Amino acid sequence: MLTKKSCMRLVTFVLDPPVVAILMFILVYAASPAYRNLGACLTGVFCLGFIPLSAWFYMVRHPGDYAGERKLGFIMSIAGYVIGTVVMLIFFRSSRQNLALMLSYLFTVIGLSLVNLLHYKASGHGAGIAGPATALTILYGWPGALTFLLLLVVGKAKVSIKEHSPAQMCVGAGIAVMATLVAFRIAGVLPC
């Protein structure tokens, strides 16, 4: 039987930023014929999803070392986001919505890294929900805004397992919202 802590841990794995990124690119591809670009979608899924998720293999060898997995996850995320952005800029620049999504993840991880270098543990999970929720709100209006409710779910999970405070969740979410707005503006998706 699952304990409350193991249920909350499961929530953090299901709503892990790379998992949400994979779902985000698939949703935009499936729901929006105007944004449909298979190459851009697969680039997002691979670079924002599978490359960062490779940090989970660390957990197989070091069960329970969530700090080590977090550090490796950040490194793999930065690598995947940089590779994905370069590929998107070279091959799929005309797919502005997908380029905006890729840039939002890159800007978010840069912001999180800078804040974390200041020895403040901003939440990557908070960012991993708030950024896509902001993007979905820009692309689809109020139905997209409903995804912000997932921020409450992941926030409760991360706070209850004592990995983040509510303030750390808010800082991570705030970084992602700002990064997403800037990325969508730069990509020309968000009007002035």
N, C-alpha and C. Protein backbone atom coordinates (compact mmCIF):
# COMPACT_ATOMS: atom_id res chain seq x y z
N MET A 1 0.84 -1.18 0.00
CA MET A 1 0.00 0.00 0.00
C MET A 1 0.89 1.25 0.00
N LEU A 2 0.48 2.23 -0.76
CA LEU A 2 1.25 3.46 -0.86
C LEU A 2 1.00 4.37 0.33
N THR A 3 2.08 4.92 0.85
CA THR A 3 1.96 5.92 1.91
C THR A 3 1.64 7.27 1.29
N LYS A 4 1.28 8.22 2.13
CA LYS A 4 1.00 9.57 1.62
C LYS A 4 2.24 10.15 0.95
N LYS A 5 3.40 9.93 1.56
CA LYS A 5 4.65 10.46 0.99
C LYS A 5 4.95 9.81 -0.36
N SER A 6 4.75 8.51 -0.49
CA SER A 6 5.02 7.86 -1.78
C SER A 6 4.00 8.28 -2.83
N CYS A 7 2.77 8.57 -2.44
CA CYS A 7 1.77 9.10 -3.39
C CYS A 7 2.19 10.48 -3.89
N MET A 8 2.66 11.32 -2.97
CA MET A 8 3.11 12.66 -3.35
C MET A 8 4.35 12.57 -4.24
N ARG A 9 5.24 11.63 -3.93
CA ARG A 9 6.44 11.43 -4.76
C ARG A 9 6.01 11.00 -6.17
N LEU A 10 5.01 10.13 -6.26
CA LEU A 10 4.50 9.68 -7.56
C LEU A 10 3.95 10.86 -8.35
N VAL A 11 3.24 11.77 -7.68
CA VAL A 11 2.73 12.97 -8.34
C VAL A 11 3.89 13.77 -8.94
N THR A 12 5.01 13.88 -8.19
CA THR A 12 6.14 14.66 -8.69
C THR A 12 6.78 14.00 -9.91
N PHE A 13 6.72 12.67 -9.99
CA PHE A 13 7.26 11.99 -11.17
C PHE A 13 6.32 12.14 -12.37
N VAL A 14 5.01 12.03 -12.12
CA VAL A 14 4.04 12.16 -13.21
C VAL A 14 4.04 13.59 -13.77
N LEU A 15 4.23 14.58 -12.90
CA LEU A 15 4.24 15.98 -13.33
C LEU A 15 5.67 16.55 -13.40
N ASP A 16 6.63 15.68 -13.64
CA ASP A 16 8.01 16.10 -13.81
C ASP A 16 8.10 16.99 -15.06
N PRO A 17 8.88 18.06 -15.03
CA PRO A 17 8.93 18.97 -16.18
C PRO A 17 9.16 18.30 -17.54
N PRO A 18 10.06 17.31 -17.67
CA PRO A 18 10.19 16.69 -18.99
C PRO A 18 8.94 15.94 -19.45
N VAL A 19 8.23 15.33 -18.51
CA VAL A 19 6.98 14.63 -18.85
C VAL A 19 5.95 15.66 -19.35
N VAL A 20 5.85 16.77 -18.64
CA VAL A 20 4.92 17.83 -19.03
C VAL A 20 5.32 18.41 -20.40
N ALA A 21 6.63 18.54 -20.64
CA ALA A 21 7.10 19.06 -21.94
C ALA A 21 6.69 18.13 -23.08
N ILE A 22 6.84 16.84 -22.87
CA ILE A 22 6.43 15.87 -23.91
C ILE A 22 4.93 16.04 -24.18
N LEU A 23 4.13 16.08 -23.13
CA LEU A 23 2.68 16.23 -23.30
C LEU A 23 2.33 17.55 -23.97
N MET A 24 3.08 18.60 -23.63
CA MET A 24 2.84 19.93 -24.20
C MET A 24 3.02 19.92 -25.72
N PHE A 25 4.15 19.39 -26.18
CA PHE A 25 4.41 19.38 -27.63
C PHE A 25 3.42 18.49 -28.37
N ILE A 26 3.06 17.36 -27.78
CA ILE A 26 2.08 16.47 -28.41
C ILE A 26 0.71 17.14 -28.46
N LEU A 27 0.33 17.81 -27.39
CA LEU A 27 -0.97 18.51 -27.35
C LEU A 27 -1.03 19.60 -28.40
N VAL A 28 0.00 20.43 -28.47
CA VAL A 28 0.01 21.51 -29.47
C VAL A 28 -0.03 20.93 -30.88
N TYR A 29 0.69 19.84 -31.10
CA TYR A 29 0.68 19.19 -32.42
C TYR A 29 -0.72 18.66 -32.74
N ALA A 30 -1.33 17.97 -31.79
CA ALA A 30 -2.62 17.32 -32.04
C ALA A 30 -3.78 18.31 -32.09
N ALA A 31 -3.74 19.33 -31.27
CA ALA A 31 -4.89 20.23 -31.12
C ALA A 31 -4.90 21.39 -32.10
N SER A 32 -3.80 21.63 -32.75
CA SER A 32 -3.69 22.85 -33.56
C SER A 32 -3.14 22.57 -34.95
N PRO A 33 -4.02 22.29 -35.90
CA PRO A 33 -3.53 22.06 -37.26
C PRO A 33 -2.67 23.22 -37.78
N ALA A 34 -2.96 24.43 -37.35
CA ALA A 34 -2.18 25.59 -37.80
C ALA A 34 -0.75 25.54 -37.27
N TYR A 35 -0.52 24.88 -36.15
CA TYR A 35 0.82 24.82 -35.54
C TYR A 35 1.52 23.49 -35.84
N ARG A 36 0.88 22.63 -36.62
CA ARG A 36 1.35 21.27 -36.81
C ARG A 36 2.62 21.22 -37.65
N ASN A 37 3.68 20.78 -37.02
CA ASN A 37 4.96 20.56 -37.68
C ASN A 37 5.59 19.36 -36.98
N LEU A 38 5.59 18.21 -37.64
CA LEU A 38 6.04 16.97 -37.01
C LEU A 38 7.51 17.06 -36.59
N GLY A 39 8.36 17.64 -37.40
CA GLY A 39 9.77 17.75 -37.05
C GLY A 39 9.98 18.59 -35.81
N ALA A 40 9.26 19.71 -35.72
CA ALA A 40 9.36 20.57 -34.53
C ALA A 40 8.81 19.86 -33.30
N CYS A 41 7.72 19.14 -33.47
CA CYS A 41 7.14 18.38 -32.37
C CYS A 41 8.12 17.33 -31.85
N LEU A 42 8.69 16.56 -32.75
CA LEU A 42 9.64 15.51 -32.35
C LEU A 42 10.90 16.10 -31.73
N THR A 43 11.33 17.26 -32.22
CA THR A 43 12.49 17.94 -31.62
C THR A 43 12.17 18.31 -30.17
N GLY A 44 10.99 18.87 -29.94
CA GLY A 44 10.58 19.22 -28.59
C GLY A 44 10.47 18.00 -27.69
N VAL A 45 9.83 16.95 -28.19
CA VAL A 45 9.66 15.73 -27.39
C VAL A 45 11.01 15.14 -27.01
N PHE A 46 11.92 15.07 -27.97
CA PHE A 46 13.22 14.46 -27.70
C PHE A 46 14.09 15.36 -26.82
N CYS A 47 14.23 16.63 -27.22
CA CYS A 47 15.17 17.52 -26.53
C CYS A 47 14.66 18.04 -25.19
N LEU A 48 13.36 18.28 -25.07
CA LEU A 48 12.81 18.78 -23.81
C LEU A 48 12.30 17.66 -22.93
N GLY A 49 12.08 16.50 -23.53
CA GLY A 49 11.55 15.38 -22.77
C GLY A 49 12.55 14.29 -22.50
N PHE A 50 12.94 13.58 -23.54
CA PHE A 50 13.76 12.39 -23.34
C PHE A 50 15.18 12.67 -22.86
N ILE A 51 15.80 13.74 -23.35
CA ILE A 51 17.16 14.04 -22.87
C ILE A 51 17.13 14.36 -21.37
N PRO A 52 16.28 15.27 -20.89
CA PRO A 52 16.23 15.49 -19.44
C PRO A 52 15.77 14.27 -18.64
N LEU A 53 14.86 13.47 -19.20
CA LEU A 53 14.39 12.28 -18.48
C LEU A 53 15.49 11.24 -18.32
N SER A 54 16.54 11.34 -19.10
CA SER A 54 17.64 10.38 -18.94
C SER A 54 18.26 10.48 -17.55
N ALA A 55 18.03 11.57 -16.84
CA ALA A 55 18.51 11.70 -15.46
C ALA A 55 17.83 10.68 -14.55
N TRP A 56 16.68 10.17 -14.95
CA TRP A 56 16.01 9.16 -14.14
C TRP A 56 16.85 7.89 -14.03
N PHE A 57 17.72 7.62 -15.02
CA PHE A 57 18.57 6.44 -14.94
C PHE A 57 19.52 6.54 -13.74
N TYR A 58 19.82 7.75 -13.34
CA TYR A 58 20.63 7.96 -12.14
C TYR A 58 19.91 7.38 -10.93
N MET A 59 18.60 7.54 -10.89
CA MET A 59 17.80 7.05 -9.77
C MET A 59 17.83 5.51 -9.70
N VAL A 60 17.98 4.86 -10.83
CA VAL A 60 18.06 3.40 -10.84
C VAL A 60 19.32 2.95 -10.11
N ARG A 61 20.41 3.66 -10.33
CA ARG A 61 21.68 3.30 -9.71
C ARG A 61 21.83 3.86 -8.30
N HIS A 62 21.11 4.96 -8.01
CA HIS A 62 21.21 5.62 -6.71
C HIS A 62 19.81 5.91 -6.16
N PRO A 63 19.06 4.87 -5.79
CA PRO A 63 17.69 5.09 -5.32
C PRO A 63 17.63 6.03 -4.11
N GLY A 64 16.70 6.95 -4.17
CA GLY A 64 16.51 7.88 -3.07
C GLY A 64 17.40 9.10 -3.08
N ASP A 65 18.36 9.18 -3.99
CA ASP A 65 19.25 10.35 -4.07
C ASP A 65 18.60 11.41 -4.96
N TYR A 66 17.59 12.08 -4.41
CA TYR A 66 16.85 13.05 -5.19
C TYR A 66 17.67 14.31 -5.46
N ALA A 67 18.60 14.65 -4.57
CA ALA A 67 19.46 15.82 -4.80
C ALA A 67 20.39 15.56 -5.99
N GLY A 68 20.94 14.37 -6.06
CA GLY A 68 21.80 14.02 -7.19
C GLY A 68 21.03 13.99 -8.50
N GLU A 69 19.81 13.45 -8.45
CA GLU A 69 18.97 13.39 -9.64
C GLU A 69 18.58 14.81 -10.07
N ARG A 70 18.31 15.70 -9.10
CA ARG A 70 17.96 17.08 -9.41
C ARG A 70 19.12 17.77 -10.13
N LYS A 71 20.33 17.59 -9.61
CA LYS A 71 21.51 18.22 -10.22
C LYS A 71 21.73 17.69 -11.64
N LEU A 72 21.69 16.37 -11.79
CA LEU A 72 21.86 15.79 -13.13
C LEU A 72 20.71 16.19 -14.05
N GLY A 73 19.50 16.27 -13.49
CA GLY A 73 18.35 16.70 -14.28
C GLY A 73 18.52 18.10 -14.84
N PHE A 74 19.06 19.01 -14.02
CA PHE A 74 19.32 20.37 -14.50
C PHE A 74 20.36 20.37 -15.61
N ILE A 75 21.42 19.59 -15.43
CA ILE A 75 22.47 19.53 -16.45
C ILE A 75 21.92 18.98 -17.76
N MET A 76 21.16 17.88 -17.68
CA MET A 76 20.58 17.27 -18.87
C MET A 76 19.53 18.19 -19.50
N SER A 77 18.80 18.93 -18.68
CA SER A 77 17.81 19.88 -19.21
C SER A 77 18.50 20.98 -19.99
N ILE A 78 19.54 21.55 -19.42
CA ILE A 78 20.28 22.62 -20.11
C ILE A 78 20.80 22.10 -21.44
N ALA A 79 21.40 20.90 -21.43
CA ALA A 79 21.93 20.33 -22.68
C ALA A 79 20.81 20.13 -23.70
N GLY A 80 19.70 19.53 -23.28
CA GLY A 80 18.59 19.28 -24.20
C GLY A 80 17.97 20.55 -24.72
N TYR A 81 17.82 21.54 -23.86
CA TYR A 81 17.19 22.80 -24.27
C TYR A 81 18.07 23.57 -25.25
N VAL A 82 19.38 23.54 -25.03
CA VAL A 82 20.29 24.23 -25.96
C VAL A 82 20.28 23.52 -27.31
N ILE A 83 20.39 22.19 -27.29
CA ILE A 83 20.37 21.43 -28.54
C ILE A 83 19.05 21.66 -29.27
N GLY A 84 17.95 21.57 -28.54
CA GLY A 84 16.63 21.76 -29.14
C GLY A 84 16.45 23.14 -29.74
N THR A 85 16.95 24.16 -29.04
CA THR A 85 16.82 25.53 -29.56
C THR A 85 17.63 25.70 -30.83
N VAL A 86 18.83 25.16 -30.86
CA VAL A 86 19.67 25.26 -32.07
C VAL A 86 18.98 24.54 -33.23
N VAL A 87 18.49 23.34 -33.00
CA VAL A 87 17.79 22.58 -34.05
C VAL A 87 16.56 23.34 -34.52
N MET A 88 15.80 23.89 -33.58
CA MET A 88 14.58 24.62 -33.92
C MET A 88 14.92 25.86 -34.75
N LEU A 89 15.97 26.58 -34.36
CA LEU A 89 16.35 27.80 -35.10
C LEU A 89 16.85 27.47 -36.50
N ILE A 90 17.55 26.36 -36.66
CA ILE A 90 18.10 26.01 -37.97
C ILE A 90 17.03 25.42 -38.89
N PHE A 91 16.23 24.49 -38.37
CA PHE A 91 15.34 23.74 -39.24
C PHE A 91 13.85 24.13 -39.17
N PHE A 92 13.41 24.68 -38.05
CA PHE A 92 11.98 24.89 -37.86
C PHE A 92 11.64 26.31 -37.42
N ARG A 93 12.43 27.26 -37.85
CA ARG A 93 12.23 28.66 -37.45
C ARG A 93 10.84 29.16 -37.83
N SER A 94 10.32 28.68 -38.96
CA SER A 94 9.01 29.16 -39.42
C SER A 94 7.87 28.66 -38.54
N SER A 95 8.12 27.63 -37.75
CA SER A 95 7.11 27.13 -36.82
C SER A 95 7.18 27.95 -35.53
N ARG A 96 6.64 29.16 -35.60
CA ARG A 96 6.82 30.14 -34.52
C ARG A 96 6.31 29.68 -33.16
N GLN A 97 5.19 28.98 -33.13
CA GLN A 97 4.66 28.52 -31.85
C GLN A 97 5.61 27.51 -31.20
N ASN A 98 6.13 26.59 -32.00
CA ASN A 98 7.07 25.60 -31.48
C ASN A 98 8.39 26.25 -31.09
N LEU A 99 8.84 27.22 -31.86
CA LEU A 99 10.05 27.96 -31.51
C LEU A 99 9.83 28.70 -30.19
N ALA A 100 8.67 29.31 -30.02
CA ALA A 100 8.35 30.01 -28.77
C ALA A 100 8.37 29.05 -27.58
N LEU A 101 7.80 27.86 -27.76
CA LEU A 101 7.81 26.86 -26.69
C LEU A 101 9.25 26.49 -26.32
N MET A 102 10.06 26.24 -27.33
CA MET A 102 11.45 25.85 -27.09
C MET A 102 12.20 26.97 -26.37
N LEU A 103 12.04 28.20 -26.85
CA LEU A 103 12.70 29.33 -26.20
C LEU A 103 12.23 29.52 -24.77
N SER A 104 10.95 29.27 -24.52
CA SER A 104 10.43 29.45 -23.16
C SER A 104 11.11 28.48 -22.20
N TYR A 105 11.33 27.26 -22.63
CA TYR A 105 12.04 26.30 -21.78
C TYR A 105 13.50 26.71 -21.58
N LEU A 106 14.15 27.16 -22.64
CA LEU A 106 15.54 27.59 -22.52
C LEU A 106 15.66 28.78 -21.57
N PHE A 107 14.81 29.79 -21.74
CA PHE A 107 14.87 30.97 -20.87
C PHE A 107 14.54 30.60 -19.43
N THR A 108 13.61 29.67 -19.25
CA THR A 108 13.25 29.24 -17.89
C THR A 108 14.42 28.56 -17.20
N VAL A 109 15.08 27.64 -17.90
CA VAL A 109 16.18 26.93 -17.25
C VAL A 109 17.35 27.87 -16.97
N ILE A 110 17.54 28.87 -17.81
CA ILE A 110 18.57 29.87 -17.54
C ILE A 110 18.20 30.66 -16.27
N GLY A 111 16.95 31.09 -16.19
CA GLY A 111 16.49 31.81 -15.00
C GLY A 111 16.60 30.98 -13.74
N LEU A 112 16.16 29.72 -13.80
CA LEU A 112 16.26 28.84 -12.63
C LEU A 112 17.71 28.62 -12.22
N SER A 113 18.58 28.44 -13.21
CA SER A 113 19.99 28.22 -12.92
C SER A 113 20.60 29.44 -12.24
N LEU A 114 20.28 30.64 -12.73
CA LEU A 114 20.81 31.85 -12.11
C LEU A 114 20.33 32.00 -10.67
N VAL A 115 19.05 31.75 -10.44
CA VAL A 115 18.51 31.85 -9.08
C VAL A 115 19.14 30.79 -8.18
N ASN A 116 19.29 29.57 -8.70
CA ASN A 116 19.88 28.50 -7.89
C ASN A 116 21.36 28.76 -7.60
N LEU A 117 22.06 29.46 -8.51
CA LEU A 117 23.45 29.83 -8.24
C LEU A 117 23.55 30.80 -7.06
N LEU A 118 22.47 31.51 -6.80
CA LEU A 118 22.41 32.41 -5.65
C LEU A 118 22.03 31.65 -4.37
N HIS A 119 22.06 30.32 -4.45
CA HIS A 119 21.76 29.44 -3.33
C HIS A 119 20.31 29.54 -2.85
N TYR A 120 19.42 29.77 -3.81
CA TYR A 120 17.99 29.73 -3.52
C TYR A 120 17.41 28.62 -4.38
N LYS A 121 16.71 27.70 -3.79
CA LYS A 121 16.20 26.51 -4.49
C LYS A 121 14.83 26.79 -5.12
N ALA A 122 14.83 27.51 -6.23
CA ALA A 122 13.57 27.75 -6.96
C ALA A 122 13.08 26.42 -7.53
N SER A 123 11.79 26.24 -7.56
CA SER A 123 11.20 24.97 -7.97
C SER A 123 11.16 24.78 -9.48
N GLY A 124 11.86 23.74 -9.94
CA GLY A 124 11.76 23.35 -11.34
C GLY A 124 10.40 22.78 -11.67
N HIS A 125 9.77 22.11 -10.69
CA HIS A 125 8.43 21.57 -10.91
C HIS A 125 7.41 22.70 -11.04
N GLY A 126 7.56 23.73 -10.20
CA GLY A 126 6.67 24.89 -10.32
C GLY A 126 6.82 25.55 -11.68
N ALA A 127 8.07 25.67 -12.12
CA ALA A 127 8.34 26.24 -13.45
C ALA A 127 7.82 25.32 -14.55
N GLY A 128 7.97 24.01 -14.34
CA GLY A 128 7.56 23.03 -15.35
C GLY A 128 6.06 22.97 -15.59
N ILE A 129 5.29 23.48 -14.65
CA ILE A 129 3.84 23.59 -14.84
C ILE A 129 3.45 24.99 -15.28
N ALA A 130 4.01 26.01 -14.64
CA ALA A 130 3.60 27.39 -14.92
C ALA A 130 3.98 27.84 -16.34
N GLY A 131 5.14 27.43 -16.83
CA GLY A 131 5.54 27.80 -18.19
C GLY A 131 4.59 27.24 -19.24
N PRO A 132 4.37 25.92 -19.25
CA PRO A 132 3.40 25.37 -20.20
C PRO A 132 1.99 25.92 -20.02
N ALA A 133 1.57 26.16 -18.78
CA ALA A 133 0.24 26.73 -18.55
C ALA A 133 0.13 28.12 -19.16
N THR A 134 1.20 28.90 -19.03
CA THR A 134 1.22 30.23 -19.65
C THR A 134 1.15 30.11 -21.17
N ALA A 135 1.93 29.18 -21.73
CA ALA A 135 1.92 28.97 -23.18
C ALA A 135 0.54 28.54 -23.67
N LEU A 136 -0.08 27.60 -22.96
CA LEU A 136 -1.42 27.14 -23.36
C LEU A 136 -2.45 28.25 -23.24
N THR A 137 -2.27 29.14 -22.26
CA THR A 137 -3.18 30.28 -22.12
C THR A 137 -3.01 31.23 -23.31
N ILE A 138 -1.77 31.48 -23.71
CA ILE A 138 -1.50 32.34 -24.87
C ILE A 138 -2.11 31.72 -26.13
N LEU A 139 -1.91 30.43 -26.31
CA LEU A 139 -2.36 29.76 -27.54
C LEU A 139 -3.86 29.49 -27.58
N TYR A 140 -4.47 29.17 -26.43
CA TYR A 140 -5.86 28.71 -26.44
C TYR A 140 -6.81 29.50 -25.54
N GLY A 141 -6.33 30.54 -24.89
CA GLY A 141 -7.21 31.35 -24.04
C GLY A 141 -7.55 30.67 -22.74
N TRP A 142 -8.76 30.94 -22.22
CA TRP A 142 -9.13 30.45 -20.90
C TRP A 142 -9.08 28.93 -20.75
N PRO A 143 -9.39 28.11 -21.77
CA PRO A 143 -9.23 26.67 -21.55
C PRO A 143 -7.78 26.28 -21.22
N GLY A 144 -6.83 26.98 -21.83
CA GLY A 144 -5.43 26.73 -21.52
C GLY A 144 -5.08 27.14 -20.10
N ALA A 145 -5.75 28.18 -19.61
CA ALA A 145 -5.48 28.68 -18.26
C ALA A 145 -5.88 27.67 -17.19
N LEU A 146 -6.77 26.75 -17.52
CA LEU A 146 -7.16 25.72 -16.56
C LEU A 146 -5.98 24.85 -16.12
N THR A 147 -4.95 24.77 -16.96
CA THR A 147 -3.78 23.96 -16.60
C THR A 147 -3.00 24.55 -15.43
N PHE A 148 -3.25 25.81 -15.10
CA PHE A 148 -2.62 26.38 -13.91
C PHE A 148 -3.05 25.64 -12.64
N LEU A 149 -4.20 24.95 -12.69
CA LEU A 149 -4.65 24.18 -11.54
C LEU A 149 -3.66 23.07 -11.18
N LEU A 150 -2.92 22.58 -12.17
CA LEU A 150 -1.90 21.56 -11.89
C LEU A 150 -0.80 22.11 -10.99
N LEU A 151 -0.63 23.43 -11.00
CA LEU A 151 0.37 24.06 -10.13
C LEU A 151 0.01 23.81 -8.66
N LEU A 152 -1.26 23.81 -8.34
CA LEU A 152 -1.69 23.51 -6.97
C LEU A 152 -1.37 22.07 -6.60
N VAL A 153 -1.58 21.16 -7.54
CA VAL A 153 -1.33 19.74 -7.29
C VAL A 153 0.16 19.50 -7.05
N VAL A 154 0.99 19.98 -7.97
CA VAL A 154 2.43 19.74 -7.82
C VAL A 154 2.99 20.53 -6.63
N GLY A 155 2.44 21.70 -6.37
CA GLY A 155 2.88 22.48 -5.22
C GLY A 155 2.60 21.76 -3.92
N LYS A 156 1.41 21.21 -3.80
CA LYS A 156 1.07 20.44 -2.59
C LYS A 156 1.99 19.25 -2.43
N ALA A 157 2.27 18.56 -3.52
CA ALA A 157 3.15 17.38 -3.46
C ALA A 157 4.57 17.77 -3.02
N LYS A 158 5.13 18.78 -3.65
CA LYS A 158 6.51 19.17 -3.34
C LYS A 158 6.65 19.72 -1.93
N VAL A 159 5.65 20.47 -1.46
CA VAL A 159 5.70 21.01 -0.10
C VAL A 159 5.49 19.88 0.91
N SER A 160 4.57 18.96 0.63
CA SER A 160 4.29 17.89 1.60
C SER A 160 5.46 16.92 1.76
N ILE A 161 6.27 16.73 0.72
CA ILE A 161 7.45 15.87 0.87
C ILE A 161 8.68 16.68 1.27
N LYS A 162 8.44 17.94 1.59
CA LYS A 162 9.45 18.85 2.14
C LYS A 162 10.64 19.08 1.21
N GLU A 163 10.36 19.11 -0.09
CA GLU A 163 11.42 19.44 -1.04
C GLU A 163 11.40 20.92 -1.41
N HIS A 164 10.27 21.58 -1.21
CA HIS A 164 10.16 23.01 -1.51
C HIS A 164 9.21 23.67 -0.52
N SER A 165 9.42 24.96 -0.37
CA SER A 165 8.47 25.78 0.39
C SER A 165 7.50 26.40 -0.61
N PRO A 166 6.38 26.92 -0.13
CA PRO A 166 5.48 27.62 -1.05
C PRO A 166 6.18 28.77 -1.78
N ALA A 167 7.08 29.47 -1.10
CA ALA A 167 7.80 30.57 -1.74
C ALA A 167 8.68 30.07 -2.88
N GLN A 168 9.34 28.94 -2.69
CA GLN A 168 10.19 28.38 -3.74
C GLN A 168 9.34 27.94 -4.94
N MET A 169 8.16 27.43 -4.68
CA MET A 169 7.25 27.06 -5.76
C MET A 169 6.85 28.32 -6.55
N CYS A 170 6.55 29.40 -5.82
CA CYS A 170 6.13 30.65 -6.47
C CYS A 170 7.26 31.26 -7.28
N VAL A 171 8.48 31.22 -6.76
CA VAL A 171 9.62 31.77 -7.50
C VAL A 171 9.83 30.99 -8.79
N GLY A 172 9.82 29.67 -8.72
CA GLY A 172 9.97 28.85 -9.93
C GLY A 172 8.87 29.14 -10.94
N ALA A 173 7.63 29.22 -10.45
CA ALA A 173 6.50 29.51 -11.34
C ALA A 173 6.63 30.91 -11.95
N GLY A 174 7.03 31.88 -11.14
CA GLY A 174 7.19 33.26 -11.65
C GLY A 174 8.26 33.37 -12.72
N ILE A 175 9.37 32.67 -12.53
CA ILE A 175 10.44 32.66 -13.54
C ILE A 175 9.90 32.11 -14.85
N ALA A 176 9.15 31.01 -14.77
CA ALA A 176 8.62 30.39 -15.99
C ALA A 176 7.59 31.25 -16.70
N VAL A 177 6.74 31.91 -15.94
CA VAL A 177 5.73 32.79 -16.56
C VAL A 177 6.43 33.92 -17.30
N MET A 178 7.39 34.57 -16.65
CA MET A 178 8.12 35.67 -17.30
C MET A 178 8.90 35.17 -18.52
N ALA A 179 9.58 34.04 -18.37
CA ALA A 179 10.37 33.49 -19.48
C ALA A 179 9.48 33.15 -20.67
N THR A 180 8.31 32.61 -20.40
CA THR A 180 7.39 32.23 -21.47
C THR A 180 6.85 33.46 -22.18
N LEU A 181 6.49 34.48 -21.43
CA LEU A 181 6.01 35.72 -22.06
C LEU A 181 7.09 36.34 -22.94
N VAL A 182 8.31 36.37 -22.46
CA VAL A 182 9.43 36.91 -23.25
C VAL A 182 9.65 36.06 -24.50
N ALA A 183 9.67 34.74 -24.34
CA ALA A 183 9.91 33.85 -25.47
C ALA A 183 8.84 33.99 -26.55
N PHE A 184 7.58 34.05 -26.14
CA PHE A 184 6.49 34.18 -27.11
C PHE A 184 6.53 35.55 -27.79
N ARG A 185 6.98 36.56 -27.08
CA ARG A 185 7.14 37.89 -27.68
C ARG A 185 8.26 37.90 -28.70
N ILE A 186 9.40 37.32 -28.34
CA ILE A 186 10.56 37.26 -29.25
C ILE A 186 10.21 36.46 -30.50
N ALA A 187 9.49 35.35 -30.34
CA ALA A 187 9.13 34.51 -31.49
C ALA A 187 8.02 35.12 -32.34
N GLY A 188 7.45 36.22 -31.89
CA GLY A 188 6.41 36.88 -32.68
C GLY A 188 5.03 36.29 -32.53
N VAL A 189 4.82 35.47 -31.50
CA VAL A 189 3.52 34.86 -31.26
C VAL A 189 2.65 35.77 -30.40
N LEU A 190 3.26 36.47 -29.47
CA LEU A 190 2.54 37.35 -28.56
C LEU A 190 2.62 38.78 -29.10
N PRO A 191 1.47 39.37 -29.37
CA PRO A 191 1.50 40.75 -29.89
C PRO A 191 1.96 41.74 -28.83
N CYS A 192 2.34 42.92 -29.28
CA CYS A 192 2.82 43.97 -28.35
C CYS A 192 1.80 44.34 -27.34
